[in-house]
Structures are given as structure tokens and as C-alpha cells.
């Protein structure tokens, strides 16, 4: 049974959420409902058939620890130097 819910949110967030919903051909209500379902169904987070987590997002959660002293700017600089030799 569907029930009406009124929320007060930042206008910018609402506009961006509407754009996102439109670009994914879904209603904003369905997106919010799916998100809330994922929160309350923490027993089975992977059983949401409507939205699949992309392999890219899954790959971000590898458990690999990044060293605190990693110089990402140097790595990027080296990469660009090598690329544009």
C-alpha cells in the first residue's frame, strides 16, 4: 500500500535528485523508496533486484590499505611524464 510522505529538503538536492531520476528513467519516489528499502533490509543488502551495484563500485571496496605517506601527486606526475615522453 502506497502512503504519501512529505519531506523538507534542500532545493538544490531536490533538483539534482530529479535530474538523476529522470536520466535513469525512474521516478524520484521509486529511487527514494529503493534507498530506504536498502537501509531497512540490512540483513540482505545484495538482494535488491531493482538496482544492481556496478562492478566498478564493488571494486572500490577491496580492503586494500593505502599507505599514509603515499605521494599521489608524484605518482600522477610520473605517469604523465611517462605518457607524454
PDB file of N, CA and C in Angstrom:
ATOM      1  N   UNK A   1       0.841  -1.174   0.000  1.00  0.00           N
ATOM      2  CA  UNK A   1       0.000   0.000   0.000  1.00  0.00           C
ATOM      3  C   UNK A   1       0.886   1.236   0.000  1.00  0.00           C
ATOM      4  N   UNK A   2       0.646   2.130  -0.926  1.00  0.00           N
ATOM      5  CA  UNK A   2       1.413   3.370  -1.009  1.00  0.00           C
ATOM      6  C   UNK A   2       0.827   4.413  -0.072  1.00  0.00           C
ATOM      7  N   UNK A   3       1.709   5.128   0.600  1.00  0.00           N
ATOM      8  CA  UNK A   3       1.323   6.193   1.520  1.00  0.00           C
ATOM      9  C   UNK A   3       2.125   7.427   1.173  1.00  0.00           C
ATOM     10  N   UNK A   4       1.474   8.569   1.250  1.00  0.00           N
ATOM     11  CA  UNK A   4       2.137   9.830   0.931  1.00  0.00           C
ATOM     12  C   UNK A   4       3.068  10.232   2.072  1.00  0.00           C
ATOM     13  N   UNK A   5       4.235  10.769   1.716  1.00  0.00           N
ATOM     14  CA  UNK A   5       5.226  11.233   2.678  1.00  0.00           C
ATOM     15  C   UNK A   5       5.717  12.599   2.226  1.00  0.00           C
ATOM     16  N   UNK A   6       5.750  13.548   3.144  1.00  0.00           N
ATOM     17  CA  UNK A   6       6.235  14.887   2.830  1.00  0.00           C
ATOM     18  C   UNK A   6       7.583  15.090   3.504  1.00  0.00           C
ATOM     19  N   UNK A   7       8.563  15.545   2.733  1.00  0.00           N
ATOM     20  CA  UNK A   7       9.908  15.780   3.256  1.00  0.00           C
ATOM     21  C   UNK A   7      10.323  17.213   2.985  1.00  0.00           C
ATOM     22  N   UNK A   8      11.125  17.768   3.873  1.00  0.00           N
ATOM     23  CA  UNK A   8      11.723  19.080   3.646  1.00  0.00           C
ATOM     24  C   UNK A   8      13.197  18.850   3.339  1.00  0.00           C
ATOM     25  N   UNK A   9      13.600  19.200   2.119  1.00  0.00           N
ATOM     26  CA  UNK A   9      14.979  19.004   1.687  1.00  0.00           C
ATOM     27  C   UNK A   9      15.472  20.267   1.000  1.00  0.00           C
ATOM     28  N   UNK A  10      16.772  20.377   0.883  1.00  0.00           N
ATOM     29  CA  UNK A  10      17.393  21.496   0.185  1.00  0.00           C
ATOM     30  C   UNK A  10      16.956  21.493  -1.281  1.00  0.00           C
ATOM     31  N   UNK A  11      16.581  22.656  -1.808  1.00  0.00           N
ATOM     32  CA  UNK A  11      16.082  22.762  -3.179  1.00  0.00           C
ATOM     33  C   UNK A  11      17.106  22.257  -4.194  1.00  0.00           C
ATOM     34  N   UNK A  12      18.374  22.570  -3.983  1.00  0.00           N
ATOM     35  CA  UNK A  12      19.427  22.119  -4.893  1.00  0.00           C
ATOM     36  C   UNK A  12      19.465  20.590  -4.947  1.00  0.00           C
ATOM     37  N   UNK A  13      19.369  19.956  -3.782  1.00  0.00           N
ATOM     38  CA  UNK A  13      19.393  18.489  -3.714  1.00  0.00           C
ATOM     39  C   UNK A  13      18.182  17.909  -4.437  1.00  0.00           C
ATOM     40  N   UNK A  14      17.029  18.515  -4.225  1.00  0.00           N
ATOM     41  CA  UNK A  14      15.816  18.037  -4.888  1.00  0.00           C
ATOM     42  C   UNK A  14      15.968  18.130  -6.404  1.00  0.00           C
ATOM     43  N   UNK A  15      16.463  19.262  -6.890  1.00  0.00           N
ATOM     44  CA  UNK A  15      16.639  19.440  -8.337  1.00  0.00           C
ATOM     45  C   UNK A  15      17.619  18.422  -8.910  1.00  0.00           C
ATOM     46  N   UNK A  16      18.733  18.213  -8.218  1.00  0.00           N
ATOM     47  CA  UNK A  16      19.725  17.240  -8.689  1.00  0.00           C
ATOM     48  C   UNK A  16      19.155  15.824  -8.647  1.00  0.00           C
ATOM     49  N   UNK A  17      18.396  15.511  -7.606  1.00  0.00           N
ATOM     50  CA  UNK A  17      17.791  14.182  -7.493  1.00  0.00           C
ATOM     51  C   UNK A  17      16.775  13.957  -8.609  1.00  0.00           C
ATOM     52  N   UNK A  18      16.013  14.990  -8.946  1.00  0.00           N
ATOM     53  CA  UNK A  18      15.048  14.877 -10.047  1.00  0.00           C
ATOM     54  C   UNK A  18      15.770  14.639 -11.371  1.00  0.00           C
ATOM     55  N   UNK A  19      16.877  15.348 -11.591  1.00  0.00           N
ATOM     56  CA  UNK A  19      17.666  15.138 -12.809  1.00  0.00           C
ATOM     57  C   UNK A  19      18.186  13.705 -12.873  1.00  0.00           C
ATOM     58  N   UNK A  20      18.705  13.231 -11.733  1.00  0.00           N
ATOM     59  CA  UNK A  20      19.234  11.867 -11.671  1.00  0.00           C
ATOM     60  C   UNK A  20      18.133  10.853 -11.973  1.00  0.00           C
ATOM     61  N   UNK A  21      16.985  11.025 -11.333  1.00  0.00           N
ATOM     62  CA  UNK A  21      15.867  10.105 -11.537  1.00  0.00           C
ATOM     63  C   UNK A  21      15.430  10.116 -12.998  1.00  0.00           C
ATOM     64  N   UNK A  22      15.339  11.291 -13.565  1.00  0.00           N
ATOM     65  CA  UNK A  22      14.926  11.415 -14.963  1.00  0.00           C
ATOM     66  C   UNK A  22      15.927  10.745 -15.901  1.00  0.00           C
ATOM     67  N   UNK A  23      17.208  10.946 -15.646  1.00  0.00           N
ATOM     68  CA  UNK A  23      18.228  10.355 -16.521  1.00  0.00           C
ATOM     69  C   UNK A  23      18.268   8.833 -16.413  1.00  0.00           C
ATOM     70  N   UNK A  24      17.779   8.290 -15.286  1.00  0.00           N
ATOM     71  CA  UNK A  24      17.733   6.837 -15.109  1.00  0.00           C
ATOM     72  C   UNK A  24      16.330   6.277 -15.353  1.00  0.00           C
ATOM     73  N   UNK A  25      15.447   7.133 -15.911  1.00  0.00           N
ATOM     74  CA  UNK A  25      14.084   6.745 -16.270  1.00  0.00           C
ATOM     75  C   UNK A  25      13.342   6.105 -15.097  1.00  0.00           C
ATOM     76  N   UNK A  26      13.430   6.761 -13.946  1.00  0.00           N
ATOM     77  CA  UNK A  26      12.735   6.316 -12.733  1.00  0.00           C
ATOM     78  C   UNK A  26      12.118   7.538 -12.069  1.00  0.00           C
ATOM     79  N   UNK A  27      11.112   7.289 -11.267  1.00  0.00           N
ATOM     80  CA  UNK A  27      10.537   8.409 -10.524  1.00  0.00           C
ATOM     81  C   UNK A  27      11.378   8.644  -9.278  1.00  0.00           C
ATOM     82  N   UNK A  28      11.339   9.857  -8.798  1.00  0.00           N
ATOM     83  CA  UNK A  28      12.064  10.195  -7.578  1.00  0.00           C
ATOM     84  C   UNK A  28      11.531   9.376  -6.404  1.00  0.00           C
ATOM     85  N   UNK A  29      10.234   9.156  -6.378  1.00  0.00           N
ATOM     86  CA  UNK A  29       9.632   8.347  -5.309  1.00  0.00           C
ATOM     87  C   UNK A  29      10.193   6.927  -5.308  1.00  0.00           C
ATOM     88  N   UNK A  30      10.348   6.334  -6.502  1.00  0.00           N
ATOM     89  CA  UNK A  30      10.888   4.964  -6.576  1.00  0.00           C
ATOM     90  C   UNK A  30      12.337   4.913  -6.122  1.00  0.00           C
ATOM     91  N   UNK A  31      13.121   5.936  -6.488  1.00  0.00           N
ATOM     92  CA  UNK A  31      14.517   5.964  -6.055  1.00  0.00           C
ATOM     93  C   UNK A  31      14.617   6.055  -4.539  1.00  0.00           C
ATOM     94  N   UNK A  32      13.828   6.946  -3.957  1.00  0.00           N
ATOM     95  CA  UNK A  32      13.869   7.114  -2.502  1.00  0.00           C
ATOM     96  C   UNK A  32      13.369   5.855  -1.811  1.00  0.00           C
ATOM     97  N   UNK A  33      12.313   5.247  -2.349  1.00  0.00           N
ATOM     98  CA  UNK A  33      11.794   4.013  -1.764  1.00  0.00           C
ATOM     99  C   UNK A  33      12.845   2.902  -1.807  1.00  0.00           C
ATOM    100  N   UNK A  34      13.531   2.769  -2.937  1.00  0.00           N
ATOM    101  CA  UNK A  34      14.565   1.737  -3.064  1.00  0.00           C
ATOM    102  C   UNK A  34      15.705   1.991  -2.087  1.00  0.00           C
ATOM    103  N   UNK A  35      16.071   3.256  -1.922  1.00  0.00           N
ATOM    104  CA  UNK A  35      17.143   3.587  -0.982  1.00  0.00           C
ATOM    105  C   UNK A  35      16.731   3.251   0.448  1.00  0.00           C
ATOM    106  N   UNK A  36      15.520   3.622   0.820  1.00  0.00           N
ATOM    107  CA  UNK A  36      15.052   3.329   2.173  1.00  0.00           C
ATOM    108  C   UNK A  36      14.935   1.825   2.404  1.00  0.00           C
ATOM    109  N   UNK A  37      14.508   1.083   1.378  1.00  0.00           N
ATOM    110  CA  UNK A  37      14.458  -0.380   1.494  1.00  0.00           C
ATOM    111  C   UNK A  37      15.850  -0.940   1.756  1.00  0.00           C
ATOM    112  N   UNK A  38      16.836  -0.402   1.054  1.00  0.00           N
ATOM    113  CA  UNK A  38      18.201  -0.910   1.242  1.00  0.00           C
ATOM    114  C   UNK A  38      18.701  -0.628   2.654  1.00  0.00           C
ATOM    115  N   UNK A  39      18.231   0.456   3.253  1.00  0.00           N
ATOM    116  CA  UNK A  39      18.633   0.767   4.626  1.00  0.00           C
ATOM    117  C   UNK A  39      17.977  -0.163   5.634  1.00  0.00           C
ATOM    118  N   UNK A  40      16.686  -0.409   5.474  1.00  0.00           N
ATOM    119  CA  UNK A  40      15.973  -1.219   6.463  1.00  0.00           C
ATOM    120  C   UNK A  40      16.180  -2.705   6.255  1.00  0.00           C
ATOM    121  N   UNK A  41      16.579  -3.123   5.072  1.00  0.00           N
ATOM    122  CA  UNK A  41      16.841  -4.535   4.796  1.00  0.00           C
ATOM    123  C   UNK A  41      18.328  -4.822   4.887  1.00  0.00           C
ATOM    124  N   UNK A  42      18.940  -4.422   5.975  1.00  0.00           N
ATOM    125  CA  UNK A  42      20.385  -4.616   6.112  1.00  0.00           C
ATOM    126  C   UNK A  42      20.754  -6.086   6.235  1.00  0.00           C
ATOM    127  N   UNK A  43      19.765  -6.966   6.507  1.00  0.00           N
ATOM    128  CA  UNK A  43      20.041  -8.402   6.580  1.00  0.00           C
ATOM    129  C   UNK A  43      20.454  -8.955   5.222  1.00  0.00           C
ATOM    130  N   UNK A  44      19.885  -8.408   4.169  1.00  0.00           N
ATOM    131  CA  UNK A  44      20.176  -8.906   2.826  1.00  0.00           C
ATOM    132  C   UNK A  44      20.431  -7.744   1.873  1.00  0.00           C
ATOM    133  N   UNK A  45      21.572  -7.055   2.013  1.00  0.00           N
ATOM    134  CA  UNK A  45      21.840  -5.887   1.180  1.00  0.00           C
ATOM    135  C   UNK A  45      22.014  -6.193  -0.298  1.00  0.00           C
ATOM    136  N   UNK A  46      22.375  -7.414  -0.655  1.00  0.00           N
ATOM    137  CA  UNK A  46      22.628  -7.744  -2.058  1.00  0.00           C
ATOM    138  C   UNK A  46      21.407  -8.306  -2.773  1.00  0.00           C
ATOM    139  N   UNK A  47      20.267  -8.360  -2.102  1.00  0.00           N
ATOM    140  CA  UNK A  47      19.086  -8.954  -2.711  1.00  0.00           C
ATOM    141  C   UNK A  47      18.142  -7.923  -3.294  1.00  0.00           C
ATOM    142  N   UNK A  48      18.626  -6.744  -3.579  1.00  0.00           N
ATOM    143  CA  UNK A  48      17.796  -5.712  -4.184  1.00  0.00           C
ATOM    144  C   UNK A  48      17.838  -5.902  -5.695  1.00  0.00           C
ATOM    145  N   UNK A  49      16.784  -6.507  -6.262  1.00  0.00           N
ATOM    146  CA  UNK A  49      16.779  -6.848  -7.679  1.00  0.00           C
ATOM    147  C   UNK A  49      16.664  -5.626  -8.578  1.00  0.00           C
ATOM    148  N   UNK A  50      16.076  -4.560  -8.068  1.00  0.00           N
ATOM    149  CA  UNK A  50      15.806  -3.404  -8.918  1.00  0.00           C
ATOM    150  C   UNK A  50      17.077  -2.636  -9.276  1.00  0.00           C
ATOM    151  N   UNK A  51      18.026  -2.536  -8.350  1.00  0.00           N
ATOM    152  CA  UNK A  51      19.250  -1.780  -8.581  1.00  0.00           C
ATOM    153  C   UNK A  51      20.447  -2.691  -8.345  1.00  0.00           C
ATOM    154  N   UNK A  52      21.274  -2.807  -9.360  1.00  0.00           N
ATOM    155  CA  UNK A  52      22.469  -3.634  -9.245  1.00  0.00           C
ATOM    156  C   UNK A  52      23.670  -2.734  -8.992  1.00  0.00           C
ATOM    157  N   UNK A  53      24.523  -3.134  -8.076  1.00  0.00           N
ATOM    158  CA  UNK A  53      25.738  -2.378  -7.810  1.00  0.00           C
ATOM    159  C   UNK A  53      26.724  -2.698  -8.929  1.00  0.00           C
ATOM    160  N   UNK A  54      27.247  -1.654  -9.550  1.00  0.00           N
ATOM    161  CA  UNK A  54      28.128  -1.860 -10.696  1.00  0.00           C
ATOM    162  C   UNK A  54      29.439  -2.508 -10.259  1.00  0.00           C
ATOM    163  N   UNK A  55      30.084  -3.243 -11.159  1.00  0.00           N
ATOM    164  CA  UNK A  55      31.370  -3.860 -10.834  1.00  0.00           C
ATOM    165  C   UNK A  55      32.419  -2.836 -10.410  1.00  0.00           C
ATOM    166  N   UNK A  56      32.365  -1.629 -10.989  1.00  0.00           N
ATOM    167  CA  UNK A  56      33.318  -0.591 -10.612  1.00  0.00           C
ATOM    168  C   UNK A  56      33.167  -0.227  -9.144  1.00  0.00           C
ATOM    169  N   UNK A  57      31.937  -0.025  -8.701  1.00  0.00           N
ATOM    170  CA  UNK A  57      31.707   0.336  -7.298  1.00  0.00           C
ATOM    171  C   UNK A  57      32.124  -0.815  -6.389  1.00  0.00           C
ATOM    172  N   UNK A  58      31.811  -2.045  -6.792  1.00  0.00           N
ATOM    173  CA  UNK A  58      32.226  -3.202  -5.994  1.00  0.00           C
ATOM    174  C   UNK A  58      33.750  -3.282  -5.895  1.00  0.00           C
ATOM    175  N   UNK A  59      34.444  -2.903  -6.963  1.00  0.00           N
ATOM    176  CA  UNK A  59      35.906  -2.983  -6.966  1.00  0.00           C
ATOM    177  C   UNK A  59      36.533  -1.972  -6.017  1.00  0.00           C
ATOM    178  N   UNK A  60      35.811  -0.906  -5.698  1.00  0.00           N
ATOM    179  CA  UNK A  60      36.352   0.097  -4.784  1.00  0.00           C
ATOM    180  C   UNK A  60      36.486  -0.435  -3.370  1.00  0.00           C
ATOM    181  N   UNK A  61      35.694  -1.422  -3.040  1.00  0.00           N
ATOM    182  CA  UNK A  61      35.705  -1.982  -1.698  1.00  0.00           C
ATOM    183  C   UNK A  61      36.592  -3.223  -1.670  1.00  0.00           C
ATOM    184  N   UNK A  62      37.906  -3.024  -1.757  1.00  0.00           N
ATOM    185  CA  UNK A  62      38.829  -4.156  -1.828  1.00  0.00           C
ATOM    186  C   UNK A  62      39.467  -4.485  -0.495  1.00  0.00           C
ATOM    187  N   UNK A  63      39.435  -3.552   0.434  1.00  0.00           N
ATOM    188  CA  UNK A  63      40.070  -3.777   1.718  1.00  0.00           C
ATOM    189  C   UNK A  63      41.558  -3.489   1.693  1.00  0.00           C
ATOM    190  N   UNK A  64      42.078  -3.029   0.569  1.00  0.00           N
ATOM    191  CA  UNK A  64      43.497  -2.707   0.453  1.00  0.00           C
ATOM    192  C   UNK A  64      43.763  -1.398   1.185  1.00  0.00           C
ATOM    193  N   UNK A  65      44.775  -1.391   2.032  1.00  0.00           N
ATOM    194  CA  UNK A  65      45.131  -0.186   2.782  1.00  0.00           C
ATOM    195  C   UNK A  65      46.119   0.645   1.970  1.00  0.00           C
ATOM    196  N   UNK A  66      45.853   1.938   1.882  1.00  0.00           N
ATOM    197  CA  UNK A  66      46.743   2.856   1.178  1.00  0.00           C
ATOM    198  C   UNK A  66      47.705   3.441   2.199  1.00  0.00           C
ATOM    199  N   UNK A  67      49.009   3.404   1.922  1.00  0.00           N
ATOM    200  CA  UNK A  67      49.981   3.948   2.875  1.00  0.00           C
ATOM    201  C   UNK A  67      49.727   5.429   3.153  1.00  0.00           C
ATOM    202  N   UNK A  68      49.917   5.843   4.393  1.00  0.00           N
ATOM    203  CA  UNK A  68      49.676   7.231   4.794  1.00  0.00           C
ATOM    204  C   UNK A  68      50.637   8.191   4.101  1.00  0.00           C
ATOM    205  N   UNK A  69      51.853   7.723   3.788  1.00  0.00           N
ATOM    206  CA  UNK A  69      52.852   8.597   3.174  1.00  0.00           C
ATOM    207  C   UNK A  69      52.859   8.508   1.643  1.00  0.00           C
ATOM    208  N   UNK A  70      51.821   7.978   1.051  1.00  0.00           N
ATOM    209  CA  UNK A  70      51.732   7.855  -0.400  1.00  0.00           C
ATOM    210  C   UNK A  70      51.674   9.239  -1.034  1.00  0.00           C
ATOM    211  N   UNK A  71      52.562   9.492  -1.986  1.00  0.00           N
ATOM    212  CA  UNK A  71      52.594  10.778  -2.678  1.00  0.00           C
ATOM    213  C   UNK A  71      51.861  10.626  -4.010  1.00  0.00           C
ATOM    214  N   UNK A  72      50.547  10.833  -3.979  1.00  0.00           N
ATOM    215  CA  UNK A  72      49.743  10.620  -5.176  1.00  0.00           C
ATOM    216  C   UNK A  72      50.067  11.631  -6.275  1.00  0.00           C
ATOM    217  N   UNK A  73      50.504  12.822  -5.890  1.00  0.00           N
ATOM    218  CA  UNK A  73      50.867  13.822  -6.903  1.00  0.00           C
ATOM    219  C   UNK A  73      52.108  13.382  -7.667  1.00  0.00           C
ATOM    220  N   UNK A  74      53.082  12.805  -6.968  1.00  0.00           N
ATOM    221  CA  UNK A  74      54.294  12.308  -7.619  1.00  0.00           C
ATOM    222  C   UNK A  74      53.958  11.144  -8.555  1.00  0.00           C
ATOM    223  N   UNK A  75      53.102  10.265  -8.105  1.00  0.00           N
ATOM    224  CA  UNK A  75      52.707   9.130  -8.939  1.00  0.00           C
ATOM    225  C   UNK A  75      52.026   9.626 -10.210  1.00  0.00           C
ATOM    226  N   UNK A  76      51.155  10.598 -10.058  1.00  0.00           N
ATOM    227  CA  UNK A  76      50.455  11.154 -11.223  1.00  0.00           C
ATOM    228  C   UNK A  76      51.429  11.883 -12.145  1.00  0.00           C
ATOM    229  N   UNK A  77      52.353  12.641 -11.566  1.00  0.00           N
ATOM    230  CA  UNK A  77      53.367  13.351 -12.347  1.00  0.00           C
ATOM    231  C   UNK A  77      54.214  12.350 -13.133  1.00  0.00           C
ATOM    232  N   UNK A  78      54.645  11.281 -12.475  1.00  0.00           N
ATOM    233  CA  UNK A  78      55.432  10.248 -13.150  1.00  0.00           C
ATOM    234  C   UNK A  78      54.636   9.602 -14.283  1.00  0.00           C
ATOM    235  N   UNK A  79      53.370   9.362 -14.017  1.00  0.00           N
ATOM    236  CA  UNK A  79      52.505   8.771 -15.041  1.00  0.00           C
ATOM    237  C   UNK A  79      52.429   9.676 -16.269  1.00  0.00           C
ATOM    238  N   UNK A  80      52.205  10.973 -16.035  1.00  0.00           N
ATOM    239  CA  UNK A  80      52.111  11.910 -17.153  1.00  0.00           C
ATOM    240  C   UNK A  80      53.436  12.041 -17.888  1.00  0.00           C
ATOM    241  N   UNK A  81      54.547  12.043 -17.148  1.00  0.00           N
ATOM    242  CA  UNK A  81      55.870  12.109 -17.784  1.00  0.00           C
ATOM    243  C   UNK A  81      56.081  10.916 -18.701  1.00  0.00           C
ATOM    244  N   UNK A  82      55.706   9.755 -18.222  1.00  0.00           N
ATOM    245  CA  UNK A  82      55.870   8.536 -19.000  1.00  0.00           C
ATOM    246  C   UNK A  82      54.938   8.545 -20.222  1.00  0.00           C
ATOM    247  N   UNK A  83      53.741   9.017 -20.028  1.00  0.00           N
ATOM    248  CA  UNK A  83      52.751   9.023 -21.103  1.00  0.00           C
ATOM    249  C   UNK A  83      53.136   9.968 -22.232  1.00  0.00           C
ATOM    250  N   UNK A  84      53.683  11.128 -21.885  1.00  0.00           N
ATOM    251  CA  UNK A  84      53.973  12.150 -22.893  1.00  0.00           C
ATOM    252  C   UNK A  84      55.464  12.286 -23.195  1.00  0.00           C
ATOM    253  N   UNK A  85      56.212  11.192 -23.153  1.00  0.00           N
ATOM    254  CA  UNK A  85      57.638  11.200 -23.499  1.00  0.00           C
ATOM    255  C   UNK A  85      57.820  11.541 -24.939  1.00  0.00           C
TER     256      UNK A  85
END
